[in-house]
C-alpha atoms as a PDB file:
ATOM      1  CA  MET A   1       6.923  -8.552  16.821  1.00  0.00           C
ATOM      2  CA  GLU A   2       6.752  -3.916  15.340  1.00  0.00           C
ATOM      3  CA  TYR A   3       4.826  -3.020  12.357  1.00  0.00           C
ATOM      4  CA  LYS A   4       7.384  -1.825  10.372  1.00  0.00           C
ATOM      5  CA  GLN A   5       9.267  -4.929  11.074  1.00  0.00           C
ATOM      6  CA  ILE A   6       6.510  -7.166   9.874  1.00  0.00           C
ATOM      7  CA  GLN A   7       6.125  -4.877   7.000  1.00  0.00           C
ATOM      8  CA  GLU A   8       9.796  -5.121   5.749  1.00  0.00           C
ATOM      9  CA  LEU A   9       9.222  -8.863   6.627  1.00  0.00           C
ATOM     10  CA  ILE A  10       6.085  -8.986   3.842  1.00  0.00           C
ATOM     11  CA  LYS A  11       8.480  -6.797   1.585  1.00  0.00           C
ATOM     12  CA  MET A  12      11.352  -9.643   1.181  1.00  0.00           C
ATOM     13  CA  ILE A  13       9.211 -12.055   1.269  1.00  0.00           C
ATOM     14  CA  ASN A  14       7.514 -10.749  -1.584  1.00  0.00           C
ATOM     15  CA  LYS A  15       9.934 -10.837  -4.031  1.00  0.00           C
ATOM     16  CA  SER A  16      11.913 -13.039  -3.283  1.00  0.00           C
ATOM     17  CA  ASN A  17      10.879 -16.775  -3.585  1.00  0.00           C
ATOM     18  CA  ILE A  18      10.208 -17.180   0.055  1.00  0.00           C
ATOM     19  CA  SER A  19       6.165 -19.609  -0.065  1.00  0.00           C
ATOM     20  CA  GLU A  20       6.214 -19.716   3.770  1.00  0.00           C
ATOM     21  CA  LEU A  21       7.125 -17.987   6.370  1.00  0.00           C
ATOM     22  CA  SER A  22       6.838 -18.820  10.380  1.00  0.00           C
ATOM     23  CA  ILE A  23       8.195 -16.647  13.178  1.00  0.00           C
ATOM     24  CA  LYS A  24       8.055 -17.005  17.246  1.00  0.00           C
ATOM     25  CA  ASP A  25       8.666 -14.680  19.198  1.00  0.00           C
ATOM     26  CA  GLY A  26       7.811 -15.415  23.073  1.00  0.00           C
ATOM     27  CA  GLU A  27       4.290 -16.167  22.568  1.00  0.00           C
ATOM     28  CA  PHE A  28       3.892 -13.954  19.421  1.00  0.00           C
ATOM     29  CA  GLU A  29       3.618 -16.339  16.118  1.00  0.00           C
ATOM     30  CA  ILE A  30       2.762 -15.160  12.843  1.00  0.00           C
ATOM     31  CA  THR A  31       2.758 -17.108   9.317  1.00  0.00           C
ATOM     32  CA  ILE A  32       3.527 -15.250   6.063  1.00  0.00           C
ATOM     33  CA  ARG A  33       1.838 -16.959   2.901  1.00  0.00           C
ATOM     34  CA  GLN A  34       2.798 -15.854  -0.983  1.00  0.00           C
ATOM     35  CA  GLU A  35       0.478 -17.553  -3.089  1.00  0.00           C
ATOM     36  CA  ASN A  36       1.496 -18.740  -6.149  1.00  0.00           C
ATOM     37  CA  GLY A  37      -0.932 -17.600  -7.939  1.00  0.00           C
ATOM     38  CA  LEU A  38      -2.096 -13.973  -9.950  1.00  0.00           C
ATOM     39  CA  THR A  39      -1.399 -11.448  -7.152  1.00  0.00           C
ATOM     40  CA  GLY A  40       1.938 -12.742  -5.626  1.00  0.00           C
ATOM     41  CA  THR A  41       0.421 -11.034  -2.651  1.00  0.00           C
ATOM     42  CA  PRO A  42       1.308 -12.466   1.071  1.00  0.00           C
ATOM     43  CA  MET A  43      -0.747 -13.401   3.521  1.00  0.00           C
ATOM     44  CA  MET A  44      -0.548 -12.717   7.583  1.00  0.00           C
ATOM     45  CA  MET A  45      -2.084 -15.372   9.347  1.00  0.00           C
ATOM     46  CA  PRO A  46      -1.593 -15.523  12.863  1.00  0.00           C
ATOM     47  CA  ALA A  47      -0.603 -18.832  14.253  1.00  0.00           C
ATOM     48  CA  PRO A  48      -3.891 -21.385  15.758  1.00  0.00           C
ATOM     49  CA  GLN A  49      -2.980 -20.901  18.864  1.00  0.00           C
ATOM     50  CA  GLN A  50      -2.900 -17.345  19.125  1.00  0.00           C
ATOM     51  CA  MET A  51      -6.058 -17.265  17.072  1.00  0.00           C
ATOM     52  CA  MET A  52      -7.692 -18.230  20.648  1.00  0.00           C
ATOM     53  CA  GLN A  53      -5.859 -16.077  22.445  1.00  0.00           C
ATOM     54  CA  GLN A  54      -5.755 -12.083  20.716  1.00  0.00           C
ATOM     55  CA  PRO A  55      -7.660 -10.820  18.188  1.00  0.00           C
ATOM     56  CA  VAL A  56      -7.278 -11.910  14.635  1.00  0.00           C
ATOM     57  CA  MET A  57      -3.952  -9.917  13.351  1.00  0.00           C
ATOM     58  CA  ALA A  58      -4.997 -11.476  10.083  1.00  0.00           C
ATOM     59  CA  ALA A  59      -4.504  -9.100   6.566  1.00  0.00           C
ATOM     60  CA  ALA A  60      -6.168 -11.293   3.760  1.00  0.00           C
ATOM     61  CA  ALA A  61      -4.300 -10.553   0.256  1.00  0.00           C
ATOM     62  CA  PRO A  62      -6.991  -7.831  -1.972  1.00  0.00           C
ATOM     63  CA  THR A  63      -8.000  -8.884  -4.698  1.00  0.00           C
ATOM     64  CA  VAL A  64      -7.175  -7.252  -7.209  1.00  0.00           C
ATOM     65  CA  VAL A  65      -9.816  -5.923  -9.616  1.00  0.00           C
ATOM     66  CA  PRO A  66      -8.783  -4.152 -13.141  1.00  0.00           C
ATOM     67  CA  ASP A  67      -9.960  -0.650 -13.194  1.00  0.00           C
ATOM     68  CA  ALA A  68     -10.528   1.716 -15.843  1.00  0.00           C
ATOM     69  CA  THR A  69      -8.803   4.891 -14.268  1.00  0.00           C
ATOM     70  CA  VAL A  70      -5.340   3.245 -13.546  1.00  0.00           C
ATOM     71  CA  ALA A  71      -3.622   4.871 -16.509  1.00  0.00           C
ATOM     72  CA  PRO A  72      -1.059   2.491 -18.992  1.00  0.00           C
ATOM     73  CA  THR A  73       2.327   2.020 -17.667  1.00  0.00           C
ATOM     74  CA  ALA A  74       3.756   2.280 -20.942  1.00  0.00           C
ATOM     75  CA  PRO A  75       2.561   5.956 -22.342  1.00  0.00           C
ATOM     76  CA  VAL A  76       4.240   6.671 -18.174  1.00  0.00           C
ATOM     77  CA  ALA A  77       7.448   5.183 -19.586  1.00  0.00           C
ATOM     78  CA  ALA A  78       7.559   7.667 -22.506  1.00  0.00           C
ATOM     79  CA  ASN A  79       7.789  10.832 -20.893  1.00  0.00           C
ATOM     80  CA  ASP A  80      10.215  11.556 -18.468  1.00  0.00           C
ATOM     81  CA  LYS A  81       8.531  14.661 -17.157  1.00  0.00           C
ATOM     82  CA  LEU A  82       5.611  12.312 -15.271  1.00  0.00           C
ATOM     83  CA  HIS A  83       6.600  10.176 -12.008  1.00  0.00           C
ATOM     84  CA  THR A  84       4.308   7.965 -10.511  1.00  0.00           C
ATOM     85  CA  ILE A  85       3.341   7.943  -6.809  1.00  0.00           C
ATOM     86  CA  LYS A  86       3.446   4.064  -5.720  1.00  0.00           C
ATOM     87  CA  SER A  87       1.896   2.239  -2.533  1.00  0.00           C
ATOM     88  CA  PRO A  88       4.721   1.858   0.338  1.00  0.00           C
ATOM     89  CA  MET A  89       2.730  -0.700   1.705  1.00  0.00           C
ATOM     90  CA  ILE A  90      -0.418  -2.480   1.332  1.00  0.00           C
ATOM     91  CA  GLY A  91      -4.238  -1.046   2.882  1.00  0.00           C
ATOM     92  CA  THR A  92      -6.971   0.248   2.385  1.00  0.00           C
ATOM     93  CA  PHE A  93      -5.845   4.142   0.433  1.00  0.00           C
ATOM     94  CA  TYR A  94      -7.982   7.481   1.990  1.00  0.00           C
ATOM     95  CA  ARG A  95      -7.716  10.419   0.127  1.00  0.00           C
ATOM     96  CA  SER A  96      -8.363  12.654   2.837  1.00  0.00           C
ATOM     97  CA  PRO A  97      -7.814  12.680   6.976  1.00  0.00           C
ATOM     98  CA  SER A  98     -11.069  12.271   7.628  1.00  0.00           C
ATOM     99  CA  PRO A  99     -14.284  11.679   5.945  1.00  0.00           C
ATOM    100  CA  ASP A 100     -15.507  15.632   6.726  1.00  0.00           C
ATOM    101  CA  LYS A 101     -12.426  17.369   5.823  1.00  0.00           C
ATOM    102  CA  PRO A 102     -11.199  18.042   2.009  1.00  0.00           C
ATOM    103  CA  PRO A 103      -8.756  15.836   0.262  1.00  0.00           C
ATOM    104  CA  PHE A 104      -5.388  16.449   1.374  1.00  0.00           C
ATOM    105  CA  VAL A 105      -4.526  17.235  -2.950  1.00  0.00           C
ATOM    106  CA  ASN A 106      -6.670  16.635  -6.035  1.00  0.00           C
ATOM    107  CA  VAL A 107      -5.944  16.783  -9.847  1.00  0.00           C
ATOM    108  CA  GLY A 108      -3.796  20.212 -10.747  1.00  0.00           C
ATOM    109  CA  ASP A 109      -2.716  20.968  -7.530  1.00  0.00           C
ATOM    110  CA  GLU A 110       1.118  22.160  -6.797  1.00  0.00           C
ATOM    111  CA  VAL A 111       2.585  19.954  -4.588  1.00  0.00           C
ATOM    112  CA  LYS A 112       5.891  19.906  -2.904  1.00  0.00           C
ATOM    113  CA  GLN A 113       8.670  17.107  -1.495  1.00  0.00           C
ATOM    114  CA  GLY A 114       7.098  16.096   1.811  1.00  0.00           C
ATOM    115  CA  GLN A 115       3.898  17.322   1.568  1.00  0.00           C
ATOM    116  CA  ALA A 116       0.729  14.704   2.478  1.00  0.00           C
ATOM    117  CA  LEU A 117      -0.800  13.435  -0.349  1.00  0.00           C
ATOM    118  CA  CYS A 118      -2.959  10.562   1.818  1.00  0.00           C
ATOM    119  CA  ILE A 119      -3.353   7.859   4.611  1.00  0.00           C
ATOM    120  CA  ILE A 120      -3.247   4.553   3.849  1.00  0.00           C
ATOM    121  CA  GLU A 121      -4.852   2.153   7.158  1.00  0.00           C
ATOM    122  CA  ALA A 122      -3.212  -1.236   7.267  1.00  0.00           C
ATOM    123  CA  MET A 123      -4.285  -3.003  10.916  1.00  0.00           C
ATOM    124  CA  LYS A 124      -5.365  -0.396  12.281  1.00  0.00           C
ATOM    125  CA  LEU A 125      -2.396   1.941  11.593  1.00  0.00           C
ATOM    126  CA  PHE A 126      -3.466   5.057   9.263  1.00  0.00           C
ATOM    127  CA  ASN A 127       0.387   5.907   7.686  1.00  0.00           C
ATOM    128  CA  GLU A 128       0.467   9.569   5.710  1.00  0.00           C
ATOM    129  CA  ILE A 129       1.638   8.749   2.775  1.00  0.00           C
ATOM    130  CA  GLU A 130       4.386  12.059   1.294  1.00  0.00           C
ATOM    131  CA  CYS A 131       5.185  13.591  -1.664  1.00  0.00           C
ATOM    132  CA  GLU A 132       8.300  12.303  -3.637  1.00  0.00           C
ATOM    133  CA  ILE A 133       8.563  14.905  -5.459  1.00  0.00           C
ATOM    134  CA  SER A 134       7.474  18.161  -6.487  1.00  0.00           C
ATOM    135  CA  GLY A 135       5.390  19.352  -9.178  1.00  0.00           C
ATOM    136  CA  ARG A 136       1.673  19.107 -10.468  1.00  0.00           C
ATOM    137  CA  ILE A 137      -0.995  16.359  -9.358  1.00  0.00           C
ATOM    138  CA  LEU A 138      -2.489  15.124 -12.942  1.00  0.00           C
ATOM    139  CA  LYS A 139      -4.095  11.923 -11.598  1.00  0.00           C
ATOM    140  CA  VAL A 140      -5.763  10.167  -8.805  1.00  0.00           C
ATOM    141  CA  LEU A 141      -5.237   6.671  -9.672  1.00  0.00           C
ATOM    142  CA  VAL A 142      -7.150   4.763  -6.460  1.00  0.00           C
ATOM    143  CA  ASP A 143     -10.764   5.596  -5.624  1.00  0.00           C
ATOM    144  CA  GLU A 144     -11.320   6.430  -2.048  1.00  0.00           C
ATOM    145  CA  SER A 145     -11.549   3.544   0.191  1.00  0.00           C
ATOM    146  CA  SER A 146     -10.423   1.313  -1.981  1.00  0.00           C
ATOM    147  CA  PRO A 147      -7.421  -1.651  -0.829  1.00  0.00           C
ATOM    148  CA  VAL A 148      -3.933  -0.952  -3.085  1.00  0.00           C
ATOM    149  CA  GLU A 149      -1.304  -2.621  -2.931  1.00  0.00           C
ATOM    150  CA  TYR A 150       2.513  -2.590  -1.800  1.00  0.00           C
ATOM    151  CA  ASP A 151       4.109  -0.776  -5.328  1.00  0.00           C
ATOM    152  CA  GLN A 152       0.356  -0.217  -6.759  1.00  0.00           C
ATOM    153  CA  PRO A 153       0.567   3.540  -8.114  1.00  0.00           C
ATOM    154  CA  LEU A 154      -1.661   6.145  -6.391  1.00  0.00           C
ATOM    155  CA  PHE A 155      -0.397   9.066  -8.168  1.00  0.00           C
ATOM    156  CA  LEU A 156       1.157  10.669 -11.736  1.00  0.00           C
ATOM    157  CA  VAL A 157       2.529  13.845 -11.510  1.00  0.00           C
ATOM    158  CA  GLU A 158       4.461  16.261 -13.515  1.00  0.00           C
ATOM    159  CA  LEU A 159       7.330  17.339 -12.273  1.00  0.00           C
ATOM    160  CA  ASN A 160       8.006  20.523 -12.012  1.00  0.00           C
END
């Protein structure tokens, strides 16, 4: 099963009332469980026989801890010139392509649609996240190397 397919399954389960889904494709078997707690984030766990054969492909749901750097959503809705760029996946947030390189963008930078903003690492794959619109970065809403959830706000952008 491809990584993109697993991502789509997680998105669909996250938006549904399904609490558990198991899929078997040849030797590959995956079970996705959605906790009914506060986060609602699905967890991927390999089947027991796969744990013996291959390295674990489990991605534990990150714990949501309130962060003072996250802007409240009410003022954002009031201003039509602001846009929130959200995470398209669960993973780890990185502002730069490598530790010794500068960040892709900083607060105050002008950005164009399609420009790289950050990287989200998921299951040892580094996914470059591109800007959806043109504008100016007002705020970075996530700390470096922090876990992010699907649809979590990453950047606040003022539209041009």
